[in-house]
């Protein structure tokens, strides 16, 4: 699995803003203003931020055939 450096910046920023107590809708607005887009090239919305934060893959878990394992990369 390769990490897209630009997308990783947006993900790290979203997680940091979540830690700082900023809500999903405000995070989406900030990422959009900074020029970041979803993997489909669309604007972020609050719900897309919630999915990102809850996603196991962004937390470092790899899921294959319903088995979970810790991803050791970055």
PDB file of N, CA and C in Angstrom:
ATOM      1  N   UNK A   1       0.840  -1.164   0.000  1.00  0.00           N
ATOM      2  CA  UNK A   1       0.000   0.000   0.000  1.00  0.00           C
ATOM      3  C   UNK A   1       0.893   1.238   0.000  1.00  0.00           C
ATOM      4  N   UNK A   2       0.675   2.136  -0.959  1.00  0.00           N
ATOM      5  CA  UNK A   2       1.456   3.361  -1.038  1.00  0.00           C
ATOM      6  C   UNK A   2       0.681   4.519  -0.437  1.00  0.00           C
ATOM      7  N   UNK A   3       1.398   5.419   0.195  1.00  0.00           N
ATOM      8  CA  UNK A   3       0.782   6.582   0.816  1.00  0.00           C
ATOM      9  C   UNK A   3       0.935   7.777  -0.109  1.00  0.00           C
ATOM     10  N   UNK A   4      -0.181   8.429  -0.415  1.00  0.00           N
ATOM     11  CA  UNK A   4      -0.183   9.658  -1.199  1.00  0.00           C
ATOM     12  C   UNK A   4       0.148  10.797  -0.231  1.00  0.00           C
ATOM     13  N   UNK A   5       1.286  11.434  -0.435  1.00  0.00           N
ATOM     14  CA  UNK A   5       1.787  12.436   0.504  1.00  0.00           C
ATOM     15  C   UNK A   5       0.818  13.607   0.651  1.00  0.00           C
ATOM     16  N   UNK A   6       0.251  14.093  -0.442  1.00  0.00           N
ATOM     17  CA  UNK A   6      -0.682  15.223  -0.372  1.00  0.00           C
ATOM     18  C   UNK A   6      -1.951  14.854   0.390  1.00  0.00           C
ATOM     19  N   UNK A   7      -2.486  13.673   0.114  1.00  0.00           N
ATOM     20  CA  UNK A   7      -3.687  13.237   0.831  1.00  0.00           C
ATOM     21  C   UNK A   7      -3.377  13.006   2.305  1.00  0.00           C
ATOM     22  N   UNK A   8      -2.173  12.522   2.580  1.00  0.00           N
ATOM     23  CA  UNK A   8      -1.775  12.284   3.969  1.00  0.00           C
ATOM     24  C   UNK A   8      -1.751  13.589   4.758  1.00  0.00           C
ATOM     25  N   UNK A   9      -1.361  14.689   4.114  1.00  0.00           N
ATOM     26  CA  UNK A   9      -1.358  15.991   4.783  1.00  0.00           C
ATOM     27  C   UNK A   9      -2.771  16.375   5.207  1.00  0.00           C
ATOM     28  N   UNK A  10      -3.738  16.160   4.322  1.00  0.00           N
ATOM     29  CA  UNK A  10      -5.136  16.489   4.634  1.00  0.00           C
ATOM     30  C   UNK A  10      -5.652  15.614   5.769  1.00  0.00           C
ATOM     31  N   UNK A  11      -5.309  14.339   5.743  1.00  0.00           N
ATOM     32  CA  UNK A  11      -5.763  13.410   6.785  1.00  0.00           C
ATOM     33  C   UNK A  11      -5.160  13.799   8.132  1.00  0.00           C
ATOM     34  N   UNK A  12      -3.861  14.080   8.158  1.00  0.00           N
ATOM     35  CA  UNK A  12      -3.207  14.479   9.406  1.00  0.00           C
ATOM     36  C   UNK A  12      -3.814  15.764   9.954  1.00  0.00           C
ATOM     37  N   UNK A  13      -4.090  16.709   9.064  1.00  0.00           N
ATOM     38  CA  UNK A  13      -4.689  17.968   9.484  1.00  0.00           C
ATOM     39  C   UNK A  13      -6.084  17.741  10.056  1.00  0.00           C
ATOM     40  N   UNK A  14      -6.866  16.890   9.400  1.00  0.00           N
ATOM     41  CA  UNK A  14      -8.217  16.584   9.885  1.00  0.00           C
ATOM     42  C   UNK A  14      -8.166  15.925  11.260  1.00  0.00           C
ATOM     43  N   UNK A  15      -7.257  14.990  11.455  1.00  0.00           N
ATOM     44  CA  UNK A  15      -7.128  14.338  12.764  1.00  0.00           C
ATOM     45  C   UNK A  15      -6.675  15.338  13.828  1.00  0.00           C
ATOM     46  N   UNK A  16      -5.721  16.203  13.482  1.00  0.00           N
ATOM     47  CA  UNK A  16      -5.246  17.188  14.457  1.00  0.00           C
ATOM     48  C   UNK A  16      -6.362  18.153  14.845  1.00  0.00           C
ATOM     49  N   UNK A  17      -7.139  18.605  13.870  1.00  0.00           N
ATOM     50  CA  UNK A  17      -8.237  19.521  14.179  1.00  0.00           C
ATOM     51  C   UNK A  17      -9.300  18.825  15.022  1.00  0.00           C
ATOM     52  N   UNK A  18      -9.507  17.532  14.796  1.00  0.00           N
ATOM     53  CA  UNK A  18     -10.444  16.768  15.626  1.00  0.00           C
ATOM     54  C   UNK A  18      -9.943  16.720  17.063  1.00  0.00           C
ATOM     55  N   UNK A  19      -8.662  16.452  17.235  1.00  0.00           N
ATOM     56  CA  UNK A  19      -8.054  16.432  18.570  1.00  0.00           C
ATOM     57  C   UNK A  19      -8.203  17.791  19.246  1.00  0.00           C
ATOM     58  N   UNK A  20      -8.096  18.857  18.453  1.00  0.00           N
ATOM     59  CA  UNK A  20      -8.211  20.219  18.983  1.00  0.00           C
ATOM     60  C   UNK A  20      -9.652  20.616  19.283  1.00  0.00           C
ATOM     61  N   UNK A  21     -10.594  19.710  19.001  1.00  0.00           N
ATOM     62  CA  UNK A  21     -11.988  19.963  19.334  1.00  0.00           C
ATOM     63  C   UNK A  21     -12.802  20.654  18.260  1.00  0.00           C
ATOM     64  N   UNK A  22     -12.281  20.725  17.055  1.00  0.00           N
ATOM     65  CA  UNK A  22     -13.000  21.359  15.951  1.00  0.00           C
ATOM     66  C   UNK A  22     -13.975  20.346  15.363  1.00  0.00           C
ATOM     67  N   UNK A  23     -15.172  20.785  15.053  1.00  0.00           N
ATOM     68  CA  UNK A  23     -16.210  19.907  14.524  1.00  0.00           C
ATOM     69  C   UNK A  23     -15.985  19.530  13.070  1.00  0.00           C
ATOM     70  N   UNK A  24     -16.619  18.456  12.650  1.00  0.00           N
ATOM     71  CA  UNK A  24     -16.440  17.908  11.303  1.00  0.00           C
ATOM     72  C   UNK A  24     -16.803  18.912  10.213  1.00  0.00           C
ATOM     73  N   UNK A  25     -17.895  19.656  10.394  1.00  0.00           N
ATOM     74  CA  UNK A  25     -18.294  20.631   9.370  1.00  0.00           C
ATOM     75  C   UNK A  25     -17.239  21.722   9.205  1.00  0.00           C
ATOM     76  N   UNK A  26     -16.694  22.199  10.311  1.00  0.00           N
ATOM     77  CA  UNK A  26     -15.660  23.237  10.247  1.00  0.00           C
ATOM     78  C   UNK A  26     -14.355  22.702   9.666  1.00  0.00           C
ATOM     79  N   UNK A  27     -14.044  21.453   9.944  1.00  0.00           N
ATOM     80  CA  UNK A  27     -12.857  20.824   9.350  1.00  0.00           C
ATOM     81  C   UNK A  27     -13.026  20.751   7.839  1.00  0.00           C
ATOM     82  N   UNK A  28     -14.207  20.361   7.388  1.00  0.00           N
ATOM     83  CA  UNK A  28     -14.479  20.268   5.950  1.00  0.00           C
ATOM     84  C   UNK A  28     -14.294  21.624   5.278  1.00  0.00           C
ATOM     85  N   UNK A  29     -14.822  22.671   5.884  1.00  0.00           N
ATOM     86  CA  UNK A  29     -14.687  24.021   5.326  1.00  0.00           C
ATOM     87  C   UNK A  29     -13.214  24.402   5.216  1.00  0.00           C
ATOM     88  N   UNK A  30     -12.448  24.134   6.271  1.00  0.00           N
ATOM     89  CA  UNK A  30     -11.025  24.481   6.291  1.00  0.00           C
ATOM     90  C   UNK A  30     -10.247  23.719   5.212  1.00  0.00           C
ATOM     91  N   UNK A  31     -10.476  22.408   5.101  1.00  0.00           N
ATOM     92  CA  UNK A  31      -9.778  21.620   4.082  1.00  0.00           C
ATOM     93  C   UNK A  31     -10.127  22.103   2.683  1.00  0.00           C
ATOM     94  N   UNK A  32     -11.397  22.421   2.455  1.00  0.00           N
ATOM     95  CA  UNK A  32     -11.814  22.929   1.145  1.00  0.00           C
ATOM     96  C   UNK A  32     -11.132  24.255   0.828  1.00  0.00           C
ATOM     97  N   UNK A  33     -11.051  25.155   1.816  1.00  0.00           N
ATOM     98  CA  UNK A  33     -10.395  26.454   1.615  1.00  0.00           C
ATOM     99  C   UNK A  33      -8.914  26.294   1.311  1.00  0.00           C
ATOM    100  N   UNK A  34      -8.300  25.251   1.889  1.00  0.00           N
ATOM    101  CA  UNK A  34      -6.878  24.992   1.646  1.00  0.00           C
ATOM    102  C   UNK A  34      -6.634  24.280   0.316  1.00  0.00           C
ATOM    103  N   UNK A  35      -7.716  23.937  -0.392  1.00  0.00           N
ATOM    104  CA  UNK A  35      -7.583  23.319  -1.707  1.00  0.00           C
ATOM    105  C   UNK A  35      -7.587  21.807  -1.714  1.00  0.00           C
ATOM    106  N   UNK A  36      -7.792  21.191  -0.569  1.00  0.00           N
ATOM    107  CA  UNK A  36      -7.849  19.733  -0.518  1.00  0.00           C
ATOM    108  C   UNK A  36      -9.199  19.258  -1.035  1.00  0.00           C
ATOM    109  N   UNK A  37      -9.197  18.068  -1.648  1.00  0.00           N
ATOM    110  CA  UNK A  37     -10.424  17.466  -2.155  1.00  0.00           C
ATOM    111  C   UNK A  37     -10.463  16.000  -1.738  1.00  0.00           C
ATOM    112  N   UNK A  38     -11.655  15.401  -1.824  1.00  0.00           N
ATOM    113  CA  UNK A  38     -11.801  13.985  -1.502  1.00  0.00           C
ATOM    114  C   UNK A  38     -11.086  13.153  -2.556  1.00  0.00           C
ATOM    115  N   UNK A  39     -11.020  11.848  -2.329  1.00  0.00           N
ATOM    116  CA  UNK A  39     -10.355  10.972  -3.302  1.00  0.00           C
ATOM    117  C   UNK A  39     -11.044  11.006  -4.658  1.00  0.00           C
ATOM    118  N   UNK A  40     -12.312  11.447  -4.696  1.00  0.00           N
ATOM    119  CA  UNK A  40     -13.061  11.561  -5.949  1.00  0.00           C
ATOM    120  C   UNK A  40     -12.978  12.959  -6.546  1.00  0.00           C
ATOM    121  N   UNK A  41     -12.183  13.826  -5.938  1.00  0.00           N
ATOM    122  CA  UNK A  41     -12.005  15.175  -6.451  1.00  0.00           C
ATOM    123  C   UNK A  41     -13.117  16.141  -6.078  1.00  0.00           C
ATOM    124  N   UNK A  42     -13.945  15.767  -5.127  1.00  0.00           N
ATOM    125  CA  UNK A  42     -15.068  16.617  -4.722  1.00  0.00           C
ATOM    126  C   UNK A  42     -14.733  17.352  -3.429  1.00  0.00           C
ATOM    127  N   UNK A  43     -15.599  18.315  -3.083  1.00  0.00           N
ATOM    128  CA  UNK A  43     -15.422  19.047  -1.835  1.00  0.00           C
ATOM    129  C   UNK A  43     -15.705  18.148  -0.642  1.00  0.00           C
ATOM    130  N   UNK A  44     -15.019  18.430   0.456  1.00  0.00           N
ATOM    131  CA  UNK A  44     -15.298  17.721   1.698  1.00  0.00           C
ATOM    132  C   UNK A  44     -16.596  18.235   2.295  1.00  0.00           C
ATOM    133  N   UNK A  45     -17.292  17.358   2.979  1.00  0.00           N
ATOM    134  CA  UNK A  45     -18.482  17.698   3.756  1.00  0.00           C
ATOM    135  C   UNK A  45     -18.255  17.119   5.147  1.00  0.00           C
ATOM    136  N   UNK A  46     -19.043  17.566   6.094  1.00  0.00           N
ATOM    137  CA  UNK A  46     -18.896  17.078   7.458  1.00  0.00           C
ATOM    138  C   UNK A  46     -18.928  15.565   7.542  1.00  0.00           C
ATOM    139  N   UNK A  47     -19.840  14.956   6.788  1.00  0.00           N
ATOM    140  CA  UNK A  47     -19.978  13.498   6.841  1.00  0.00           C
ATOM    141  C   UNK A  47     -18.743  12.790   6.278  1.00  0.00           C
ATOM    142  N   UNK A  48     -18.109  13.378   5.267  1.00  0.00           N
ATOM    143  CA  UNK A  48     -16.897  12.746   4.732  1.00  0.00           C
ATOM    144  C   UNK A  48     -15.757  12.817   5.753  1.00  0.00           C
ATOM    145  N   UNK A  49     -15.739  13.868   6.560  1.00  0.00           N
ATOM    146  CA  UNK A  49     -14.736  13.971   7.623  1.00  0.00           C
ATOM    147  C   UNK A  49     -15.007  12.923   8.699  1.00  0.00           C
ATOM    148  N   UNK A  50     -16.268  12.751   9.062  1.00  0.00           N
ATOM    149  CA  UNK A  50     -16.633  11.738  10.063  1.00  0.00           C
ATOM    150  C   UNK A  50     -16.208  10.353   9.590  1.00  0.00           C
ATOM    151  N   UNK A  51     -16.461  10.036   8.313  1.00  0.00           N
ATOM    152  CA  UNK A  51     -16.050   8.730   7.768  1.00  0.00           C
ATOM    153  C   UNK A  51     -14.533   8.577   7.814  1.00  0.00           C
ATOM    154  N   UNK A  52     -13.819   9.648   7.493  1.00  0.00           N
ATOM    155  CA  UNK A  52     -12.360   9.606   7.509  1.00  0.00           C
ATOM    156  C   UNK A  52     -11.852   9.308   8.921  1.00  0.00           C
ATOM    157  N   UNK A  53     -12.366  10.020   9.895  1.00  0.00           N
ATOM    158  CA  UNK A  53     -11.912   9.864  11.275  1.00  0.00           C
ATOM    159  C   UNK A  53     -12.238   8.471  11.816  1.00  0.00           C
ATOM    160  N   UNK A  54     -13.346   7.918  11.397  1.00  0.00           N
ATOM    161  CA  UNK A  54     -13.751   6.588  11.870  1.00  0.00           C
ATOM    162  C   UNK A  54     -13.108   5.445  11.089  1.00  0.00           C
ATOM    163  N   UNK A  55     -12.518   5.740   9.950  1.00  0.00           N
ATOM    164  CA  UNK A  55     -11.957   4.707   9.080  1.00  0.00           C
ATOM    165  C   UNK A  55     -10.766   4.006   9.736  1.00  0.00           C
ATOM    166  N   UNK A  56     -10.819   2.695   9.756  1.00  0.00           N
ATOM    167  CA  UNK A  56      -9.731   1.913  10.346  1.00  0.00           C
ATOM    168  C   UNK A  56      -8.436   2.049   9.562  1.00  0.00           C
ATOM    169  N   UNK A  57      -8.530   2.235   8.261  1.00  0.00           N
ATOM    170  CA  UNK A  57      -7.323   2.326   7.442  1.00  0.00           C
ATOM    171  C   UNK A  57      -6.512   3.569   7.805  1.00  0.00           C
ATOM    172  N   UNK A  58      -7.194   4.688   8.106  1.00  0.00           N
ATOM    173  CA  UNK A  58      -6.486   5.912   8.488  1.00  0.00           C
ATOM    174  C   UNK A  58      -5.935   5.827   9.902  1.00  0.00           C
ATOM    175  N   UNK A  59      -6.448   4.916  10.690  1.00  0.00           N
ATOM    176  CA  UNK A  59      -5.940   4.708  12.044  1.00  0.00           C
ATOM    177  C   UNK A  59      -4.775   3.724  12.061  1.00  0.00           C
ATOM    178  N   UNK A  60      -4.426   3.176  10.891  1.00  0.00           N
ATOM    179  CA  UNK A  60      -3.286   2.278  10.803  1.00  0.00           C
ATOM    180  C   UNK A  60      -3.633   0.812  10.805  1.00  0.00           C
ATOM    181  N   UNK A  61      -4.908   0.489  10.618  1.00  0.00           N
ATOM    182  CA  UNK A  61      -5.326  -0.911  10.576  1.00  0.00           C
ATOM    183  C   UNK A  61      -5.533  -1.340   9.133  1.00  0.00           C
ATOM    184  N   UNK A  62      -5.087  -2.540   8.820  1.00  0.00           N
ATOM    185  CA  UNK A  62      -5.314  -3.131   7.518  1.00  0.00           C
ATOM    186  C   UNK A  62      -6.372  -4.209   7.684  1.00  0.00           C
ATOM    187  N   UNK A  63      -7.380  -4.174   6.820  1.00  0.00           N
ATOM    188  CA  UNK A  63      -8.453  -5.159   6.900  1.00  0.00           C
ATOM    189  C   UNK A  63      -8.469  -5.946   5.598  1.00  0.00           C
ATOM    190  N   UNK A  64      -8.338  -7.269   5.703  1.00  0.00           N
ATOM    191  CA  UNK A  64      -8.382  -8.142   4.536  1.00  0.00           C
ATOM    192  C   UNK A  64      -9.111  -9.415   4.925  1.00  0.00           C
ATOM    193  N   UNK A  65     -10.097  -9.775   4.152  1.00  0.00           N
ATOM    194  CA  UNK A  65     -10.877 -10.980   4.435  1.00  0.00           C
ATOM    195  C   UNK A  65     -11.411 -10.987   5.867  1.00  0.00           C
ATOM    196  N   UNK A  66     -11.808  -9.825   6.328  1.00  0.00           N
ATOM    197  CA  UNK A  66     -12.392  -9.649   7.662  1.00  0.00           C
ATOM    198  C   UNK A  66     -11.402  -9.895   8.804  1.00  0.00           C
ATOM    199  N   UNK A  67     -10.113 -10.005   8.482  1.00  0.00           N
ATOM    200  CA  UNK A  67      -9.086 -10.141   9.512  1.00  0.00           C
ATOM    201  C   UNK A  67      -8.377  -8.799   9.647  1.00  0.00           C
ATOM    202  N   UNK A  68      -8.156  -8.358  10.858  1.00  0.00           N
ATOM    203  CA  UNK A  68      -7.500  -7.073  11.072  1.00  0.00           C
ATOM    204  C   UNK A  68      -6.064  -7.291  11.509  1.00  0.00           C
ATOM    205  N   UNK A  69      -5.203  -6.387  11.056  1.00  0.00           N
ATOM    206  CA  UNK A  69      -3.814  -6.403  11.481  1.00  0.00           C
ATOM    207  C   UNK A  69      -3.290  -4.987  11.510  1.00  0.00           C
ATOM    208  N   UNK A  70      -2.341  -4.729  12.332  1.00  0.00           N
ATOM    209  CA  UNK A  70      -1.778  -3.390  12.470  1.00  0.00           C
ATOM    210  C   UNK A  70      -0.843  -3.119  11.311  1.00  0.00           C
ATOM    211  N   UNK A  71      -1.064  -1.992  10.609  1.00  0.00           N
ATOM    212  CA  UNK A  71      -0.208  -1.581   9.507  1.00  0.00           C
ATOM    213  C   UNK A  71       0.990  -0.845  10.093  1.00  0.00           C
ATOM    214  N   UNK A  72       2.186  -1.281   9.782  1.00  0.00           N
ATOM    215  CA  UNK A  72       3.399  -0.731  10.389  1.00  0.00           C
ATOM    216  C   UNK A  72       3.930   0.504   9.670  1.00  0.00           C
ATOM    217  N   UNK A  73       3.402   0.848   8.481  1.00  0.00           N
ATOM    218  CA  UNK A  73       3.913   2.001   7.754  1.00  0.00           C
ATOM    219  C   UNK A  73       3.330   3.271   8.313  1.00  0.00           C
ATOM    220  N   UNK A  74       4.127   4.300   8.394  1.00  0.00           N
ATOM    221  CA  UNK A  74       3.786   5.642   8.862  1.00  0.00           C
ATOM    222  C   UNK A  74       2.553   5.602   9.697  1.00  0.00           C
TER     223      UNK A  74
END
